[in-house]
Amino acid sequence: EIENIEVKEMVNPVVTSVHGIHNDIRQLKDSVEKLKQEQNNVVKIVNDKNSKMVTAEEIRKIVNKEVSGLASANTSRSNQQTPDSRAINLHNKIKSHIKLGQFND
């Protein structure tokens, strides 16, 4: 029995250390999981912002289409003095995007 008591006295500090390490590892795993979730949220936010951006090429296409449309509309109609609502809308859209900083270049 004396040997058992001596073994217990030797093993108890080791068992206590192992339990402490186990708890530390569990907390570390929880922290890593939270970081993964936060990283996924950041990636979603960045992707959402990137998908809402208007690229320079898209603006060029829009402007080209609108200018072409205006040119054909001007040649086909008589000398009316009414403003072209498409041109006004395009102008307002471009100004809005510029104010929001939604251009890649």
PDB file of N, CA and C in Angstrom:
ATOM      1  N   GLU A   1       0.813  -1.196   0.000  1.00  0.00           N
ATOM      2  CA  GLU A   1       0.000   0.000   0.000  1.00  0.00           C
ATOM      3  C   GLU A   1       0.859   1.263   0.000  1.00  0.00           C
ATOM      4  N   ILE A   2       1.966   1.224   0.645  1.00  0.00           N
ATOM      5  CA  ILE A   2       2.845   2.382   0.688  1.00  0.00           C
ATOM      6  C   ILE A   2       3.328   2.714  -0.715  1.00  0.00           C
ATOM      7  N   GLU A   3       3.584   1.682  -1.502  1.00  0.00           N
ATOM      8  CA  GLU A   3       4.014   1.909  -2.887  1.00  0.00           C
ATOM      9  C   GLU A   3       2.909   2.584  -3.687  1.00  0.00           C
ATOM     10  N   ASN A   4       1.659   2.177  -3.478  1.00  0.00           N
ATOM     11  CA  ASN A   4       0.522   2.794  -4.185  1.00  0.00           C
ATOM     12  C   ASN A   4       0.393   4.263  -3.838  1.00  0.00           C
ATOM     13  N   ILE A   5       0.585   4.589  -2.587  1.00  0.00           N
ATOM     14  CA  ILE A   5       0.498   5.988  -2.156  1.00  0.00           C
ATOM     15  C   ILE A   5       1.608   6.800  -2.812  1.00  0.00           C
ATOM     16  N   GLU A   6       2.799   6.232  -2.873  1.00  0.00           N
ATOM     17  CA  GLU A   6       3.922   6.928  -3.502  1.00  0.00           C
ATOM     18  C   GLU A   6       3.676   7.125  -5.000  1.00  0.00           C
ATOM     19  N   VAL A   7       3.115   6.107  -5.648  1.00  0.00           N
ATOM     20  CA  VAL A   7       2.813   6.201  -7.087  1.00  0.00           C
ATOM     21  C   VAL A   7       1.748   7.260  -7.315  1.00  0.00           C
ATOM     22  N   LYS A   8       0.713   7.286  -6.464  1.00  0.00           N
ATOM     23  CA  LYS A   8      -0.348   8.283  -6.586  1.00  0.00           C
ATOM     24  C   LYS A   8       0.219   9.689  -6.436  1.00  0.00           C
ATOM     25  N   GLU A   9       1.108   9.849  -5.467  1.00  0.00           N
ATOM     26  CA  GLU A   9       1.708  11.159  -5.253  1.00  0.00           C
ATOM     27  C   GLU A   9       2.548  11.588  -6.448  1.00  0.00           C
ATOM     28  N   MET A  10       3.151  10.636  -7.124  1.00  0.00           N
ATOM     29  CA  MET A  10       3.956  10.959  -8.305  1.00  0.00           C
ATOM     30  C   MET A  10       3.058  11.230  -9.518  1.00  0.00           C
ATOM     31  N   VAL A  11       1.973  10.513  -9.635  1.00  0.00           N
ATOM     32  CA  VAL A  11       1.115  10.595 -10.812  1.00  0.00           C
ATOM     33  C   VAL A  11       0.161  11.792 -10.744  1.00  0.00           C
ATOM     34  N   ASN A  12      -0.287  12.194  -9.582  1.00  0.00           N
ATOM     35  CA  ASN A  12      -1.261  13.280  -9.443  1.00  0.00           C
ATOM     36  C   ASN A  12      -0.816  14.577 -10.130  1.00  0.00           C
ATOM     37  N   PRO A  13       0.411  15.047  -9.949  1.00  0.00           N
ATOM     38  CA  PRO A  13       0.807  16.264 -10.654  1.00  0.00           C
ATOM     39  C   PRO A  13       0.797  16.097 -12.174  1.00  0.00           C
ATOM     40  N   VAL A  14       1.144  14.907 -12.640  1.00  0.00           N
ATOM     41  CA  VAL A  14       1.133  14.653 -14.082  1.00  0.00           C
ATOM     42  C   VAL A  14      -0.305  14.678 -14.599  1.00  0.00           C
ATOM     43  N   VAL A  15      -1.211  14.050 -13.884  1.00  0.00           N
ATOM     44  CA  VAL A  15      -2.625  14.021 -14.280  1.00  0.00           C
ATOM     45  C   VAL A  15      -3.190  15.438 -14.293  1.00  0.00           C
ATOM     46  N   THR A  16      -2.862  16.212 -13.307  1.00  0.00           N
ATOM     47  CA  THR A  16      -3.327  17.593 -13.231  1.00  0.00           C
ATOM     48  C   THR A  16      -2.800  18.401 -14.418  1.00  0.00           C
ATOM     49  N   SER A  17      -1.537  18.205 -14.752  1.00  0.00           N
ATOM     50  CA  SER A  17      -0.949  18.905 -15.910  1.00  0.00           C
ATOM     51  C   SER A  17      -1.623  18.495 -17.206  1.00  0.00           C
ATOM     52  N   VAL A  18      -1.886  17.210 -17.353  1.00  0.00           N
ATOM     53  CA  VAL A  18      -2.545  16.713 -18.568  1.00  0.00           C
ATOM     54  C   VAL A  18      -3.947  17.308 -18.695  1.00  0.00           C
ATOM     55  N   HIS A  19      -4.678  17.377 -17.589  1.00  0.00           N
ATOM     56  CA  HIS A  19      -6.014  17.989 -17.627  1.00  0.00           C
ATOM     57  C   HIS A  19      -5.932  19.465 -18.017  1.00  0.00           C
ATOM     58  N   GLY A  20      -4.944  20.163 -17.474  1.00  0.00           N
ATOM     59  CA  GLY A  20      -4.769  21.580 -17.817  1.00  0.00           C
ATOM     60  C   GLY A  20      -4.440  21.760 -19.292  1.00  0.00           C
ATOM     61  N   ILE A  21      -3.564  20.904 -19.806  1.00  0.00           N
ATOM     62  CA  ILE A  21      -3.209  20.973 -21.233  1.00  0.00           C
ATOM     63  C   ILE A  21      -4.425  20.659 -22.093  1.00  0.00           C
ATOM     64  N   HIS A  22      -5.200  19.681 -21.686  1.00  0.00           N
ATOM     65  CA  HIS A  22      -6.413  19.315 -22.431  1.00  0.00           C
ATOM     66  C   HIS A  22      -7.382  20.503 -22.508  1.00  0.00           C
ATOM     67  N   ASN A  23      -7.572  21.186 -21.394  1.00  0.00           N
ATOM     68  CA  ASN A  23      -8.462  22.359 -21.380  1.00  0.00           C
ATOM     69  C   ASN A  23      -7.908  23.476 -22.264  1.00  0.00           C
ATOM     70  N   ASP A  24      -6.589  23.684 -22.228  1.00  0.00           N
ATOM     71  CA  ASP A  24      -5.969  24.702 -23.081  1.00  0.00           C
ATOM     72  C   ASP A  24      -6.172  24.387 -24.556  1.00  0.00           C
ATOM     73  N   ILE A  25      -6.022  23.121 -24.914  1.00  0.00           N
ATOM     74  CA  ILE A  25      -6.201  22.702 -26.318  1.00  0.00           C
ATOM     75  C   ILE A  25      -7.652  22.902 -26.748  1.00  0.00           C
ATOM     76  N   ARG A  26      -8.595  22.595 -25.878  1.00  0.00           N
ATOM     77  CA  ARG A  26     -10.008  22.780 -26.201  1.00  0.00           C
ATOM     78  C   ARG A  26     -10.312  24.268 -26.434  1.00  0.00           C
ATOM     79  N   GLN A  27      -9.758  25.143 -25.585  1.00  0.00           N
ATOM     80  CA  GLN A  27      -9.957  26.583 -25.763  1.00  0.00           C
ATOM     81  C   GLN A  27      -9.316  27.063 -27.063  1.00  0.00           C
ATOM     82  N   LEU A  28      -8.160  26.515 -27.384  1.00  0.00           N
ATOM     83  CA  LEU A  28      -7.477  26.881 -28.623  1.00  0.00           C
ATOM     84  C   LEU A  28      -8.314  26.465 -29.837  1.00  0.00           C
ATOM     85  N   LYS A  29      -8.876  25.270 -29.788  1.00  0.00           N
ATOM     86  CA  LYS A  29      -9.738  24.807 -30.889  1.00  0.00           C
ATOM     87  C   LYS A  29     -10.951  25.724 -31.051  1.00  0.00           C
ATOM     88  N   ASP A  30     -11.544  26.129 -29.941  1.00  0.00           N
ATOM     89  CA  ASP A  30     -12.695  27.041 -29.998  1.00  0.00           C
ATOM     90  C   ASP A  30     -12.301  28.379 -30.621  1.00  0.00           C
ATOM     91  N   SER A  31     -11.128  28.876 -30.233  1.00  0.00           N
ATOM     92  CA  SER A  31     -10.647  30.151 -30.794  1.00  0.00           C
ATOM     93  C   SER A  31     -10.398  30.029 -32.295  1.00  0.00           C
ATOM     94  N   VAL A  32      -9.810  28.930 -32.719  1.00  0.00           N
ATOM     95  CA  VAL A  32      -9.546  28.713 -34.148  1.00  0.00           C
ATOM     96  C   VAL A  32     -10.860  28.632 -34.914  1.00  0.00           C
ATOM     97  N   GLU A  33     -11.855  27.974 -34.355  1.00  0.00           N
ATOM     98  CA  GLU A  33     -13.159  27.866 -35.016  1.00  0.00           C
ATOM     99  C   GLU A  33     -13.810  29.238 -35.164  1.00  0.00           C
ATOM    100  N   LYS A  34     -13.718  30.061 -34.129  1.00  0.00           N
ATOM    101  CA  LYS A  34     -14.272  31.421 -34.204  1.00  0.00           C
ATOM    102  C   LYS A  34     -13.551  32.242 -35.267  1.00  0.00           C
ATOM    103  N   LEU A  35     -12.229  32.096 -35.337  1.00  0.00           N
ATOM    104  CA  LEU A  35     -11.457  32.810 -36.359  1.00  0.00           C
ATOM    105  C   LEU A  35     -11.870  32.381 -37.761  1.00  0.00           C
ATOM    106  N   LYS A  36     -12.100  31.094 -37.951  1.00  0.00           N
ATOM    107  CA  LYS A  36     -12.541  30.597 -39.262  1.00  0.00           C
ATOM    108  C   LYS A  36     -13.881  31.219 -39.658  1.00  0.00           C
ATOM    109  N   GLN A  37     -14.797  31.272 -38.706  1.00  0.00           N
ATOM    110  CA  GLN A  37     -16.102  31.855 -38.979  1.00  0.00           C
ATOM    111  C   GLN A  37     -15.983  33.336 -39.316  1.00  0.00           C
ATOM    112  N   GLU A  38     -15.160  34.063 -38.571  1.00  0.00           N
ATOM    113  CA  GLU A  38     -14.969  35.486 -38.845  1.00  0.00           C
ATOM    114  C   GLU A  38     -14.306  35.697 -40.199  1.00  0.00           C
ATOM    115  N   GLN A  39     -13.355  34.835 -40.538  1.00  0.00           N
ATOM    116  CA  GLN A  39     -12.694  34.940 -41.836  1.00  0.00           C
ATOM    117  C   GLN A  39     -13.699  34.693 -42.966  1.00  0.00           C
ATOM    118  N   ASN A  40     -14.575  33.713 -42.804  1.00  0.00           N
ATOM    119  CA  ASN A  40     -15.603  33.454 -43.810  1.00  0.00           C
ATOM    120  C   ASN A  40     -16.530  34.654 -43.970  1.00  0.00           C
ATOM    121  N   ASN A  41     -16.865  35.301 -42.864  1.00  0.00           N
ATOM    122  CA  ASN A  41     -17.713  36.496 -42.930  1.00  0.00           C
ATOM    123  C   ASN A  41     -17.015  37.615 -43.695  1.00  0.00           C
ATOM    124  N   VAL A  42     -15.718  37.800 -43.435  1.00  0.00           N
ATOM    125  CA  VAL A  42     -14.959  38.838 -44.144  1.00  0.00           C
ATOM    126  C   VAL A  42     -14.910  38.522 -45.634  1.00  0.00           C
ATOM    127  N   VAL A  43     -14.686  37.266 -45.988  1.00  0.00           N
ATOM    128  CA  VAL A  43     -14.639  36.876 -47.397  1.00  0.00           C
ATOM    129  C   VAL A  43     -15.977  37.155 -48.070  1.00  0.00           C
ATOM    130  N   LYS A  44     -17.086  36.856 -47.393  1.00  0.00           N
ATOM    131  CA  LYS A  44     -18.412  37.128 -47.959  1.00  0.00           C
ATOM    132  C   LYS A  44     -18.610  38.619 -48.182  1.00  0.00           C
ATOM    133  N   ILE A  45     -18.201  39.428 -47.219  1.00  0.00           N
ATOM    134  CA  ILE A  45     -18.358  40.879 -47.345  1.00  0.00           C
ATOM    135  C   ILE A  45     -17.544  41.408 -48.523  1.00  0.00           C
ATOM    136  N   VAL A  46     -16.302  40.944 -48.640  1.00  0.00           N
ATOM    137  CA  VAL A  46     -15.437  41.392 -49.742  1.00  0.00           C
ATOM    138  C   VAL A  46     -16.025  40.950 -51.075  1.00  0.00           C
ATOM    139  N   ASN A  47     -16.490  39.723 -51.164  1.00  0.00           N
ATOM    140  CA  ASN A  47     -17.079  39.242 -52.417  1.00  0.00           C
ATOM    141  C   ASN A  47     -18.330  40.025 -52.783  1.00  0.00           C
ATOM    142  N   ASP A  48     -19.155  40.349 -51.798  1.00  0.00           N
ATOM    143  CA  ASP A  48     -20.358  41.146 -52.058  1.00  0.00           C
ATOM    144  C   ASP A  48     -19.984  42.519 -52.599  1.00  0.00           C
ATOM    145  N   LYS A  49     -18.981  43.149 -51.991  1.00  0.00           N
ATOM    146  CA  LYS A  49     -18.563  44.476 -52.451  1.00  0.00           C
ATOM    147  C   LYS A  49     -17.985  44.399 -53.860  1.00  0.00           C
ATOM    148  N   ASN A  50     -17.200  43.361 -54.135  1.00  0.00           N
ATOM    149  CA  ASN A  50     -16.607  43.223 -55.468  1.00  0.00           C
ATOM    150  C   ASN A  50     -17.668  42.962 -56.531  1.00  0.00           C
ATOM    151  N   SER A  51     -18.714  42.214 -56.171  1.00  0.00           N
ATOM    152  CA  SER A  51     -19.745  41.907 -57.153  1.00  0.00           C
ATOM    153  C   SER A  51     -20.600  43.136 -57.469  1.00  0.00           C
ATOM    154  N   LYS A  52     -20.618  44.126 -56.570  1.00  0.00           N
ATOM    155  CA  LYS A  52     -21.422  45.321 -56.793  1.00  0.00           C
ATOM    156  C   LYS A  52     -20.647  46.411 -57.520  1.00  0.00           C
ATOM    157  N   MET A  53     -19.361  46.223 -57.717  1.00  0.00           N
ATOM    158  CA  MET A  53     -18.546  47.240 -58.376  1.00  0.00           C
ATOM    159  C   MET A  53     -18.812  47.252 -59.882  1.00  0.00           C
ATOM    160  N   VAL A  54     -18.715  48.418 -60.446  1.00  0.00           N
ATOM    161  CA  VAL A  54     -18.831  48.576 -61.887  1.00  0.00           C
ATOM    162  C   VAL A  54     -17.418  48.749 -62.421  1.00  0.00           C
ATOM    163  N   THR A  55     -17.029  47.892 -63.349  1.00  0.00           N
ATOM    164  CA  THR A  55     -15.673  47.968 -63.881  1.00  0.00           C
ATOM    165  C   THR A  55     -15.596  49.037 -64.962  1.00  0.00           C
ATOM    166  N   ALA A  56     -14.381  49.437 -65.256  1.00  0.00           N
ATOM    167  CA  ALA A  56     -14.153  50.431 -66.299  1.00  0.00           C
ATOM    168  C   ALA A  56     -14.657  49.909 -67.646  1.00  0.00           C
ATOM    169  N   GLU A  57     -14.457  48.647 -67.899  1.00  0.00           N
ATOM    170  CA  GLU A  57     -14.918  48.061 -69.165  1.00  0.00           C
ATOM    171  C   GLU A  57     -16.445  48.104 -69.263  1.00  0.00           C
ATOM    172  N   GLU A  58     -17.135  47.838 -68.164  1.00  0.00           N
ATOM    173  CA  GLU A  58     -18.597  47.916 -68.161  1.00  0.00           C
ATOM    174  C   GLU A  58     -19.063  49.346 -68.430  1.00  0.00           C
ATOM    175  N   ILE A  59     -18.374  50.311 -67.854  1.00  0.00           N
ATOM    176  CA  ILE A  59     -18.730  51.713 -68.097  1.00  0.00           C
ATOM    177  C   ILE A  59     -18.507  52.064 -69.559  1.00  0.00           C
ATOM    178  N   ARG A  60     -17.384  51.614 -70.120  1.00  0.00           N
ATOM    179  CA  ARG A  60     -17.118  51.884 -71.538  1.00  0.00           C
ATOM    180  C   ARG A  60     -18.229  51.315 -72.421  1.00  0.00           C
ATOM    181  N   LYS A  61     -18.661  50.098 -72.115  1.00  0.00           N
ATOM    182  CA  LYS A  61     -19.734  49.472 -72.900  1.00  0.00           C
ATOM    183  C   LYS A  61     -21.038  50.259 -72.764  1.00  0.00           C
ATOM    184  N   ILE A  62     -21.352  50.664 -71.535  1.00  0.00           N
ATOM    185  CA  ILE A  62     -22.588  51.434 -71.311  1.00  0.00           C
ATOM    186  C   ILE A  62     -22.532  52.751 -72.067  1.00  0.00           C
ATOM    187  N   VAL A  63     -21.425  53.452 -71.947  1.00  0.00           N
ATOM    188  CA  VAL A  63     -21.288  54.751 -72.617  1.00  0.00           C
ATOM    189  C   VAL A  63     -21.357  54.569 -74.128  1.00  0.00           C
ATOM    190  N   ASN A  64     -20.664  53.558 -74.634  1.00  0.00           N
ATOM    191  CA  ASN A  64     -20.672  53.295 -76.076  1.00  0.00           C
ATOM    192  C   ASN A  64     -22.091  53.005 -76.554  1.00  0.00           C
ATOM    193  N   LYS A  65     -22.797  52.173 -75.811  1.00  0.00           N
ATOM    194  CA  LYS A  65     -24.174  51.831 -76.174  1.00  0.00           C
ATOM    195  C   LYS A  65     -25.067  53.068 -76.145  1.00  0.00           C
ATOM    196  N   GLU A  66     -24.926  53.872 -75.095  1.00  0.00           N
ATOM    197  CA  GLU A  66     -25.756  55.067 -74.969  1.00  0.00           C
ATOM    198  C   GLU A  66     -25.429  56.093 -76.058  1.00  0.00           C
ATOM    199  N   VAL A  67     -24.155  56.272 -76.333  1.00  0.00           N
ATOM    200  CA  VAL A  67     -23.763  57.233 -77.375  1.00  0.00           C
ATOM    201  C   VAL A  67     -24.273  56.758 -78.728  1.00  0.00           C
ATOM    202  N   SER A  68     -24.140  55.468 -78.995  1.00  0.00           N
ATOM    203  CA  SER A  68     -24.647  54.931 -80.257  1.00  0.00           C
ATOM    204  C   SER A  68     -26.154  55.104 -80.352  1.00  0.00           C
ATOM    205  N   GLY A  69     -26.827  54.835 -79.231  1.00  0.00           N
ATOM    206  CA  GLY A  69     -28.280  55.004 -79.207  1.00  0.00           C
ATOM    207  C   GLY A  69     -28.678  56.447 -79.405  1.00  0.00           C
ATOM    208  N   LEU A  70     -27.943  57.354 -78.791  1.00  0.00           N
ATOM    209  CA  LEU A  70     -28.234  58.775 -78.943  1.00  0.00           C
ATOM    210  C   LEU A  70     -27.995  59.224 -80.381  1.00  0.00           C
ATOM    211  N   ALA A  71     -26.920  58.742 -80.968  1.00  0.00           N
ATOM    212  CA  ALA A  71     -26.609  59.141 -82.341  1.00  0.00           C
ATOM    213  C   ALA A  71     -27.704  58.668 -83.289  1.00  0.00           C
ATOM    214  N   SER A  72     -28.147  57.450 -83.135  1.00  0.00           N
ATOM    215  CA  SER A  72     -29.201  56.949 -84.029  1.00  0.00           C
ATOM    216  C   SER A  72     -30.534  57.621 -83.740  1.00  0.00           C
ATOM    217  N   ALA A  73     -30.803  57.926 -82.475  1.00  0.00           N
ATOM    218  CA  ALA A  73     -32.054  58.600 -82.124  1.00  0.00           C
ATOM    219  C   ALA A  73     -32.066  60.029 -82.663  1.00  0.00           C
ATOM    220  N   ASN A  74     -30.922  60.704 -82.633  1.00  0.00           N
ATOM    221  CA  ASN A  74     -30.849  62.072 -83.129  1.00  0.00           C
ATOM    222  C   ASN A  74     -31.018  62.143 -84.639  1.00  0.00           C
ATOM    223  N   THR A  75     -30.536  61.165 -85.340  1.00  0.00           N
ATOM    224  CA  THR A  75     -30.681  61.185 -86.796  1.00  0.00           C
ATOM    225  C   THR A  75     -32.093  60.812 -87.220  1.00  0.00           C
ATOM    226  N   SER A  76     -32.788  60.034 -86.402  1.00  0.00           N
ATOM    227  CA  SER A  76     -34.118  59.585 -86.804  1.00  0.00           C
ATOM    228  C   SER A  76     -35.235  60.535 -86.394  1.00  0.00           C
ATOM    229  N   ARG A  77     -35.010  61.402 -85.446  1.00  0.00           N
ATOM    230  CA  ARG A  77     -36.090  62.295 -85.030  1.00  0.00           C
ATOM    231  C   ARG A  77     -35.844  63.706 -85.558  1.00  0.00           C
ATOM    232  N   SER A  78     -36.890  64.435 -85.561  1.00  0.00           N
ATOM    233  CA  SER A  78     -36.785  65.808 -86.050  1.00  0.00           C
ATOM    234  C   SER A  78     -36.162  66.691 -84.981  1.00  0.00           C
ATOM    235  N   ASN A  79     -36.044  67.947 -85.191  1.00  0.00           N
ATOM    236  CA  ASN A  79     -35.393  68.873 -84.274  1.00  0.00           C
ATOM    237  C   ASN A  79     -36.282  69.184 -83.069  1.00  0.00           C
ATOM    238  N   GLN A  80     -36.502  68.210 -82.265  1.00  0.00           N
ATOM    239  CA  GLN A  80     -37.276  68.429 -81.045  1.00  0.00           C
ATOM    240  C   GLN A  80     -36.322  68.892 -79.949  1.00  0.00           C
ATOM    241  N   GLN A  81     -36.803  69.731 -79.053  1.00  0.00           N
ATOM    242  CA  GLN A  81     -35.979  70.280 -77.991  1.00  0.00           C
ATOM    243  C   GLN A  81     -36.203  69.569 -76.649  1.00  0.00           C
ATOM    244  N   THR A  82     -36.751  68.354 -76.657  1.00  0.00           N
ATOM    245  CA  THR A  82     -36.991  67.634 -75.398  1.00  0.00           C
ATOM    246  C   THR A  82     -35.712  66.923 -74.971  1.00  0.00           C
ATOM    247  N   PRO A  83     -35.436  66.924 -73.686  1.00  0.00           N
ATOM    248  CA  PRO A  83     -34.220  66.253 -73.219  1.00  0.00           C
ATOM    249  C   PRO A  83     -34.355  64.738 -73.340  1.00  0.00           C
ATOM    250  N   ASP A  84     -33.254  64.098 -73.598  1.00  0.00           N
ATOM    251  CA  ASP A  84     -33.238  62.641 -73.722  1.00  0.00           C
ATOM    252  C   ASP A  84     -33.145  62.037 -72.318  1.00  0.00           C
ATOM    253  N   SER A  85     -34.195  61.357 -71.904  1.00  0.00           N
ATOM    254  CA  SER A  85     -34.233  60.821 -70.536  1.00  0.00           C
ATOM    255  C   SER A  85     -33.192  59.723 -70.334  1.00  0.00           C
ATOM    256  N   ARG A  86     -32.869  58.980 -71.386  1.00  0.00           N
ATOM    257  CA  ARG A  86     -31.832  57.946 -71.248  1.00  0.00           C
ATOM    258  C   ARG A  86     -30.481  58.584 -70.949  1.00  0.00           C
ATOM    259  N   ALA A  87     -30.172  59.662 -71.614  1.00  0.00           N
ATOM    260  CA  ALA A  87     -28.896  60.345 -71.387  1.00  0.00           C
ATOM    261  C   ALA A  87     -28.846  60.916 -69.979  1.00  0.00           C
ATOM    262  N   ILE A  88     -29.966  61.465 -69.526  1.00  0.00           N
ATOM    263  CA  ILE A  88     -30.020  62.020 -68.178  1.00  0.00           C
ATOM    264  C   ILE A  88     -29.859  60.911 -67.148  1.00  0.00           C
ATOM    265  N   ASN A  89     -30.553  59.787 -67.363  1.00  0.00           N
ATOM    266  CA  ASN A  89     -30.433  58.658 -66.445  1.00  0.00           C
ATOM    267  C   ASN A  89     -29.009  58.122 -66.417  1.00  0.00           C
ATOM    268  N   LEU A  90     -28.389  58.002 -67.576  1.00  0.00           N
ATOM    269  CA  LEU A  90     -27.013  57.515 -67.643  1.00  0.00           C
ATOM    270  C   LEU A  90     -26.085  58.465 -66.890  1.00  0.00           C
ATOM    271  N   HIS A  91     -26.261  59.747 -67.135  1.00  0.00           N
ATOM    272  CA  HIS A  91     -25.441  60.748 -66.459  1.00  0.00           C
ATOM    273  C   HIS A  91     -25.598  60.627 -64.935  1.00  0.00           C
ATOM    274  N   ASN A  92     -26.834  60.484 -64.481  1.00  0.00           N
ATOM    275  CA  ASN A  92     -27.090  60.346 -63.044  1.00  0.00           C
ATOM    276  C   ASN A  92     -26.501  59.053 -62.489  1.00  0.00           C
ATOM    277  N   LYS A  93     -26.585  57.952 -63.248  1.00  0.00           N
ATOM    278  CA  LYS A  93     -26.009  56.681 -62.800  1.00  0.00           C
ATOM    279  C   LYS A  93     -24.498  56.800 -62.653  1.00  0.00           C
ATOM    280  N   ILE A  94     -23.862  57.399 -63.641  1.00  0.00           N
ATOM    281  CA  ILE A  94     -22.401  57.536 -63.600  1.00  0.00           C
ATOM    282  C   ILE A  94     -21.990  58.416 -62.429  1.00  0.00           C
ATOM    283  N   LYS A  95     -22.682  59.533 -62.217  1.00  0.00           N
ATOM    284  CA  LYS A  95     -22.370  60.407 -61.083  1.00  0.00           C
ATOM    285  C   LYS A  95     -22.538  59.662 -59.764  1.00  0.00           C
ATOM    286  N   SER A  96     -23.596  58.860 -59.663  1.00  0.00           N
ATOM    287  CA  SER A  96     -23.853  58.100 -58.448  1.00  0.00           C
ATOM    288  C   SER A  96     -22.725  57.108 -58.185  1.00  0.00           C
ATOM    289  N   HIS A  97     -22.289  56.395 -59.226  1.00  0.00           N
ATOM    290  CA  HIS A  97     -21.208  55.430 -59.059  1.00  0.00           C
ATOM    291  C   HIS A  97     -19.901  56.127 -58.687  1.00  0.00           C
ATOM    292  N   ILE A  98     -19.668  57.286 -59.258  1.00  0.00           N
ATOM    293  CA  ILE A  98     -18.448  58.027 -58.929  1.00  0.00           C
ATOM    294  C   ILE A  98     -18.474  58.444 -57.464  1.00  0.00           C
ATOM    295  N   LYS A  99     -19.628  58.942 -56.995  1.00  0.00           N
ATOM    296  CA  LYS A  99     -19.732  59.353 -55.591  1.00  0.00           C
ATOM    297  C   LYS A  99     -19.523  58.189 -54.648  1.00  0.00           C
ATOM    298  N   LEU A 100     -19.992  57.016 -55.045  1.00  0.00           N
ATOM    299  CA  LEU A 100     -19.845  55.826 -54.189  1.00  0.00           C
ATOM    300  C   LEU A 100     -18.477  55.176 -54.328  1.00  0.00           C
ATOM    301  N   GLY A 101     -17.675  55.647 -55.287  1.00  0.00           N
ATOM    302  CA  GLY A 101     -16.341  55.093 -55.471  1.00  0.00           C
ATOM    303  C   GLY A 101     -16.375  53.680 -56.032  1.00  0.00           C
ATOM    304  N   GLN A 102     -17.342  53.375 -56.851  1.00  0.00           N
ATOM    305  CA  GLN A 102     -17.501  52.019 -57.369  1.00  0.00           C
ATOM    306  C   GLN A 102     -16.898  51.845 -58.746  1.00  0.00           C
ATOM    307  N   PHE A 103     -15.669  52.291 -58.905  1.00  0.00           N
ATOM    308  CA  PHE A 103     -14.961  52.093 -60.158  1.00  0.00           C
ATOM    309  C   PHE A 103     -13.627  51.452 -59.853  1.00  0.00           C
ATOM    310  N   ASN A 104     -13.219  50.524 -60.716  1.00  0.00           N
ATOM    311  CA  ASN A 104     -11.935  49.874 -60.512  1.00  0.00           C
ATOM    312  C   ASN A 104     -10.783  50.748 -60.931  1.00  0.00           C
ATOM    313  N   ASP A 105     -11.006  51.647 -61.900  1.00  0.00           N
ATOM    314  CA  ASP A 105      -9.948  52.569 -62.307  1.00  0.00           C
ATOM    315  C   ASP A 105     -10.544  53.843 -62.826  1.00  0.00           C
TER     316      ASP A 105
END
